[in-house]
N, C-alpha and C. Protein backbone atom coordinates (compact mmCIF):
# COMPACT_ATOMS: atom_id res chain seq x y z
N MET A 1 12.78 -12.63 -10.09
CA MET A 1 12.96 -13.79 -8.95
C MET A 1 12.11 -14.41 -9.36
N TRP A 2 11.02 -14.44 -9.81
CA TRP A 2 9.76 -15.56 -10.03
C TRP A 2 10.50 -16.84 -11.00
N PHE A 3 11.38 -16.22 -12.05
CA PHE A 3 11.75 -17.55 -12.95
C PHE A 3 12.52 -18.35 -12.57
N PHE A 4 13.33 -18.18 -11.42
CA PHE A 4 14.04 -19.06 -10.67
C PHE A 4 13.38 -19.98 -9.94
N GLY A 5 12.34 -19.86 -9.38
CA GLY A 5 10.98 -20.42 -8.74
C GLY A 5 10.39 -21.43 -9.81
N PHE A 6 10.03 -20.69 -10.89
CA PHE A 6 9.66 -21.16 -11.89
C PHE A 6 10.50 -22.40 -12.34
N ALA A 7 11.35 -22.06 -12.94
CA ALA A 7 12.66 -23.04 -13.62
C ALA A 7 12.69 -24.33 -12.46
N SER A 8 12.59 -23.65 -11.30
CA SER A 8 13.16 -24.88 -9.90
C SER A 8 11.61 -25.92 -9.94
N VAL A 9 10.34 -25.54 -9.99
CA VAL A 9 9.56 -26.17 -10.20
C VAL A 9 9.15 -27.28 -11.53
N THR A 10 9.61 -26.58 -12.27
CA THR A 10 9.94 -27.00 -13.69
C THR A 10 10.90 -28.31 -14.11
N MET A 11 11.90 -28.09 -13.25
CA MET A 11 12.97 -29.22 -13.55
C MET A 11 12.26 -30.36 -12.23
N THR A 12 11.65 -29.83 -11.51
CA THR A 12 11.56 -31.08 -10.16
C THR A 12 10.22 -32.01 -11.03
N VAL A 13 9.24 -31.18 -11.86
CA VAL A 13 8.20 -31.88 -12.54
C VAL A 13 8.76 -32.72 -13.40
N ILE A 14 9.95 -32.34 -14.33
CA ILE A 14 10.18 -32.85 -15.36
C ILE A 14 11.03 -34.18 -14.82
N PHE A 15 11.84 -33.89 -13.62
CA PHE A 15 12.80 -34.84 -12.87
C PHE A 15 11.43 -36.24 -12.53
N ALA A 16 10.70 -35.64 -11.85
CA ALA A 16 9.67 -36.55 -11.57
C ALA A 16 8.90 -37.57 -12.69
N PHE A 17 8.56 -36.87 -13.73
CA PHE A 17 8.16 -37.67 -14.75
C PHE A 17 9.26 -38.63 -15.66
N ALA A 18 10.18 -38.50 -15.05
CA ALA A 18 11.69 -39.43 -15.87
C ALA A 18 11.30 -40.28 -14.87
N LYS A 19 10.91 -40.46 -13.37
CA LYS A 19 11.14 -41.91 -12.42
C LYS A 19 9.72 -42.09 -12.60
N ASN A 20 8.84 -41.71 -13.02
CA ASN A 20 7.27 -42.40 -13.36
C ASN A 20 6.75 -42.84 -12.09
N THR A 21 7.21 -41.59 -10.78
CA THR A 21 6.60 -42.03 -9.70
C THR A 21 5.14 -40.84 -9.21
N ALA A 22 3.96 -41.27 -9.20
CA ALA A 22 2.84 -40.27 -9.16
C ALA A 22 3.38 -39.83 -7.99
N GLY A 23 3.27 -40.20 -6.96
CA GLY A 23 3.69 -39.39 -5.41
C GLY A 23 4.30 -38.21 -5.83
N VAL A 24 5.93 -38.59 -6.56
CA VAL A 24 6.73 -37.35 -6.61
C VAL A 24 6.26 -36.58 -7.59
N VAL A 25 5.37 -36.72 -8.79
CA VAL A 25 4.84 -35.73 -9.56
C VAL A 25 3.71 -34.15 -9.01
N SER A 26 3.08 -35.24 -7.97
CA SER A 26 1.98 -34.54 -7.17
C SER A 26 2.93 -33.44 -6.28
N THR A 27 3.70 -33.66 -5.84
CA THR A 27 4.23 -32.83 -4.76
C THR A 27 4.28 -31.47 -5.29
N PRO A 28 5.06 -31.43 -6.25
CA PRO A 28 5.54 -30.39 -6.71
C PRO A 28 4.42 -29.23 -7.28
N ILE A 29 3.78 -29.85 -8.25
CA ILE A 29 2.42 -29.32 -8.63
C ILE A 29 1.58 -28.95 -7.44
N TYR A 30 1.35 -29.60 -6.12
CA TYR A 30 0.69 -29.02 -4.87
C TYR A 30 1.57 -27.70 -4.51
N GLY A 31 2.67 -27.95 -4.51
CA GLY A 31 3.56 -26.83 -3.90
C GLY A 31 3.45 -25.86 -4.70
N THR A 32 3.36 -25.93 -5.98
CA THR A 32 3.13 -24.42 -6.62
C THR A 32 1.61 -23.89 -6.87
N VAL A 33 0.80 -25.03 -6.42
CA VAL A 33 -0.63 -24.05 -6.26
C VAL A 33 -0.48 -23.70 -4.68
N ILE A 34 0.21 -23.79 -3.56
CA ILE A 34 0.41 -23.27 -2.86
C ILE A 34 0.56 -21.95 -2.82
N GLU A 35 2.01 -22.08 -3.20
CA GLU A 35 2.79 -20.49 -3.50
C GLU A 35 1.92 -19.53 -3.99
N LEU A 36 1.28 -20.30 -5.30
CA LEU A 36 0.12 -19.25 -6.07
C LEU A 36 -0.73 -18.71 -5.18
N ILE A 37 -1.33 -19.29 -4.09
CA ILE A 37 -2.24 -18.74 -3.36
C ILE A 37 -1.71 -18.01 -2.48
N SER A 38 -0.60 -18.25 -2.01
CA SER A 38 0.08 -17.52 -1.20
C SER A 38 0.82 -16.22 -1.45
N GLY A 39 0.83 -16.28 -2.87
CA GLY A 39 1.43 -15.13 -3.68
C GLY A 39 0.22 -14.16 -4.11
N ILE A 40 -0.68 -14.70 -4.08
CA ILE A 40 -2.06 -13.52 -4.36
C ILE A 40 -2.52 -13.26 -2.91
N ILE A 41 -2.42 -13.83 -1.75
CA ILE A 41 -3.02 -13.45 -0.53
C ILE A 41 -2.00 -11.94 0.03
N ILE A 42 -0.66 -12.72 -0.29
CA ILE A 42 0.30 -11.25 0.05
C ILE A 42 0.23 -9.89 -0.80
N LYS A 43 -0.15 -10.39 -1.85
CA LYS A 43 -0.62 -9.14 -3.04
C LYS A 43 -1.72 -8.30 -2.63
N LEU A 44 -2.82 -9.13 -1.91
CA LEU A 44 -3.98 -8.62 -1.69
C LEU A 44 -3.75 -7.69 -0.18
N LEU A 45 -3.12 -8.49 0.54
CA LEU A 45 -2.56 -7.73 1.83
C LEU A 45 -1.93 -6.27 1.52
N ASN A 46 -1.09 -6.35 0.81
CA ASN A 46 0.30 -5.54 0.36
C ASN A 46 -1.05 -4.03 -0.03
N GLY A 47 -1.87 -4.07 -0.73
CA GLY A 47 -2.97 -3.42 -1.03
C GLY A 47 -3.85 -2.92 0.23
N THR A 48 -4.18 -3.69 0.65
CA THR A 48 -4.69 -3.52 1.84
C THR A 48 -4.09 -2.12 2.90
N LEU A 49 -2.77 -2.82 3.11
CA LEU A 49 -1.84 -1.95 3.85
C LEU A 49 -1.59 -0.84 3.54
N ARG A 50 -1.41 -0.86 2.15
CA ARG A 50 -1.26 0.96 1.63
C ARG A 50 -2.49 1.31 1.42
N SER A 51 -3.68 1.11 1.22
CA SER A 51 -4.92 1.79 1.23
C SER A 51 -5.42 2.04 2.62
N LYS A 52 -4.54 1.68 3.85
CA LYS A 52 -4.97 1.76 5.15
C LYS A 52 -3.91 2.81 5.78
N GLU A 53 -2.74 2.54 5.17
CA GLU A 53 -1.70 3.87 5.32
C GLU A 53 -1.92 5.09 4.82
N SER A 54 -2.72 4.88 3.57
CA SER A 54 -3.20 6.44 2.88
C SER A 54 -4.57 7.08 3.63
N PHE A 55 -5.10 6.19 3.89
CA PHE A 55 -6.54 6.67 5.01
C PHE A 55 -5.71 7.29 6.23
N PHE A 56 -4.53 6.47 7.10
CA PHE A 56 -4.59 7.36 7.89
C PHE A 56 -3.45 8.43 8.24
N LYS A 57 -3.10 8.59 6.92
CA LYS A 57 -2.09 9.65 6.50
C LYS A 57 -3.17 10.79 6.64
N GLN A 58 -4.15 10.53 5.71
CA GLN A 58 -5.09 11.85 5.40
C GLN A 58 -5.81 12.08 6.67
N ASP A 59 -5.87 11.35 7.91
CA ASP A 59 -6.55 11.53 9.00
C ASP A 59 -5.79 12.46 9.70
N MET A 60 -4.49 12.19 9.89
CA MET A 60 -3.46 12.90 10.53
C MET A 60 -2.94 14.21 10.15
N ASP A 61 -3.40 14.57 8.65
CA ASP A 61 -3.07 15.78 8.07
C ASP A 61 -4.49 16.44 8.73
N MET A 62 -5.64 16.14 8.68
CA MET A 62 -6.80 16.83 8.74
C MET A 62 -6.96 16.91 10.66
N GLN A 63 -6.29 16.10 11.35
CA GLN A 63 -6.40 16.23 12.86
C GLN A 63 -5.43 17.75 12.98
N LYS A 64 -4.38 17.60 12.22
CA LYS A 64 -3.26 18.61 12.63
C LYS A 64 -3.97 19.81 12.29
N LEU A 65 -4.61 20.03 11.04
CA LEU A 65 -5.08 20.97 10.45
C LEU A 65 -6.19 21.57 11.30
N ASP A 66 -6.61 20.59 11.49
CA ASP A 66 -8.06 21.23 12.66
C ASP A 66 -7.49 21.88 13.78
N LYS A 67 -5.93 21.17 14.52
CA LYS A 67 -5.78 21.95 15.44
C LYS A 67 -5.00 23.28 15.16
N ILE A 68 -4.37 23.15 14.03
CA ILE A 68 -3.99 24.90 13.80
C ILE A 68 -5.04 25.74 13.77
N LEU A 69 -6.49 24.91 13.27
CA LEU A 69 -7.23 26.10 13.03
C LEU A 69 -8.09 26.96 14.44
N GLY A 70 -8.06 25.70 15.33
CA GLY A 70 -8.44 25.97 16.40
C GLY A 70 -7.45 26.88 17.36
N LEU A 71 -6.12 26.76 17.01
CA LEU A 71 -5.14 27.76 18.14
C LEU A 71 -5.57 28.93 17.01
N ILE A 72 -5.50 29.31 15.93
CA ILE A 72 -5.44 30.00 15.18
C ILE A 72 -6.72 31.13 15.47
N LEU A 73 -7.80 30.68 15.65
CA LEU A 73 -9.47 30.94 16.00
C LEU A 73 -9.00 31.53 17.32
N THR A 74 -8.26 31.30 18.17
CA THR A 74 -8.27 31.99 19.72
C THR A 74 -7.46 33.31 19.45
N ILE A 75 -6.84 34.02 18.16
CA ILE A 75 -6.12 35.13 18.33
C ILE A 75 -7.18 35.91 18.41
N ASP A 76 -6.67 37.04 18.99
CA ASP A 76 -7.92 38.35 19.19
C ASP A 76 -7.85 39.33 17.64
N ASN A 77 -6.66 39.26 17.26
CA ASN A 77 -6.41 40.30 16.35
C ASN A 77 -7.11 39.60 14.85
N THR A 78 -8.34 40.31 14.73
CA THR A 78 -8.69 39.87 13.22
C THR A 78 -8.22 39.87 12.40
N ASP A 79 -6.96 40.97 11.97
CA ASP A 79 -6.26 41.01 10.88
C ASP A 79 -5.60 39.88 10.73
N HIS A 80 -4.79 39.35 11.90
CA HIS A 80 -3.57 38.42 11.78
C HIS A 80 -4.68 37.02 11.68
N LYS A 81 -5.72 37.00 12.20
CA LYS A 81 -5.98 36.00 12.28
C LYS A 81 -6.84 35.40 10.93
N PHE A 82 -7.70 36.31 9.77
CA PHE A 82 -7.70 36.29 8.44
C PHE A 82 -6.46 35.64 7.42
N THR A 83 -5.26 36.69 7.61
CA THR A 83 -4.19 36.37 7.20
C THR A 83 -3.25 35.04 7.08
N LEU A 84 -3.61 34.15 8.78
CA LEU A 84 -3.18 33.18 8.55
C LEU A 84 -4.09 32.38 8.08
N ILE A 85 -5.27 32.45 8.32
CA ILE A 85 -6.54 31.44 7.68
C ILE A 85 -5.95 31.54 6.14
N ASP A 86 -5.63 32.47 5.58
CA ASP A 86 -5.40 32.80 4.08
C ASP A 86 -4.48 32.05 3.49
N LYS A 87 -3.25 31.82 4.70
CA LYS A 87 -2.12 31.37 4.47
C LYS A 87 -2.62 29.78 4.30
N ILE A 88 -2.98 29.47 5.37
CA ILE A 88 -3.69 27.98 5.20
C ILE A 88 -4.41 27.84 4.03
N VAL A 89 -5.07 28.21 3.67
CA VAL A 89 -6.20 27.83 2.59
C VAL A 89 -5.61 27.78 1.41
N ASP A 90 -4.43 28.84 1.18
CA ASP A 90 -3.51 28.80 0.14
C ASP A 90 -2.61 27.22 -0.21
N ASN A 91 -1.87 27.52 0.88
CA ASN A 91 -1.25 26.19 1.35
C ASN A 91 -1.93 24.71 0.80
N TYR A 92 -3.53 24.79 1.10
CA TYR A 92 -4.26 23.67 0.82
C TYR A 92 -4.53 23.62 -0.14
N ILE A 93 -4.90 24.57 -1.28
CA ILE A 93 -4.87 24.66 -2.59
C ILE A 93 -3.90 24.04 -3.38
N LYS A 94 -2.92 24.73 -2.93
CA LYS A 94 -1.49 24.49 -3.53
C LYS A 94 -0.91 22.72 -3.61
N ASN A 95 -1.34 22.06 -2.07
CA ASN A 95 -1.01 20.75 -1.95
C ASN A 95 -1.83 20.00 -2.82
N THR A 96 -3.30 20.54 -2.74
CA THR A 96 -4.35 19.63 -3.53
C THR A 96 -4.09 19.61 -5.04
N ASP A 97 -3.39 20.74 -5.37
CA ASP A 97 -3.21 20.64 -7.20
C ASP A 97 -1.80 19.98 -7.04
N ASN A 98 -0.79 19.77 -6.28
CA ASN A 98 0.01 19.01 -6.89
C ASN A 98 -0.11 17.88 -6.41
N ASN A 99 -1.36 17.19 -5.83
CA ASN A 99 -1.38 15.76 -5.52
C ASN A 99 -2.70 15.25 -6.75
N ALA A 100 -3.17 16.53 -7.65
CA ALA A 100 -4.09 15.75 -8.10
C ALA A 100 -3.35 15.51 -9.69
N ASP A 101 -2.00 15.85 -9.60
CA ASP A 101 -0.98 15.48 -10.99
C ASP A 101 -0.67 14.58 -11.14
């Protein structure tokens, strides 16, 4: 897609030079600079949004785990309590190993 924009600006500059008009030459150049700055801003914004999304996803996962552990700790039977905690720890380790790859 970037090729079509580049080709459009290039053709405009070539046609502008053919007419030898300073205003017509400067307009596509200024437009190109503005498009370049806009592209950089959008790229940086997308990176920031991805970073925030990742942070909030991890935060939600930790809140869910905290709630689950809180519920498990209310169980009176210690055998069931330790079994459930063991399963949560195993699941956490498995997910951590999968995410590390």
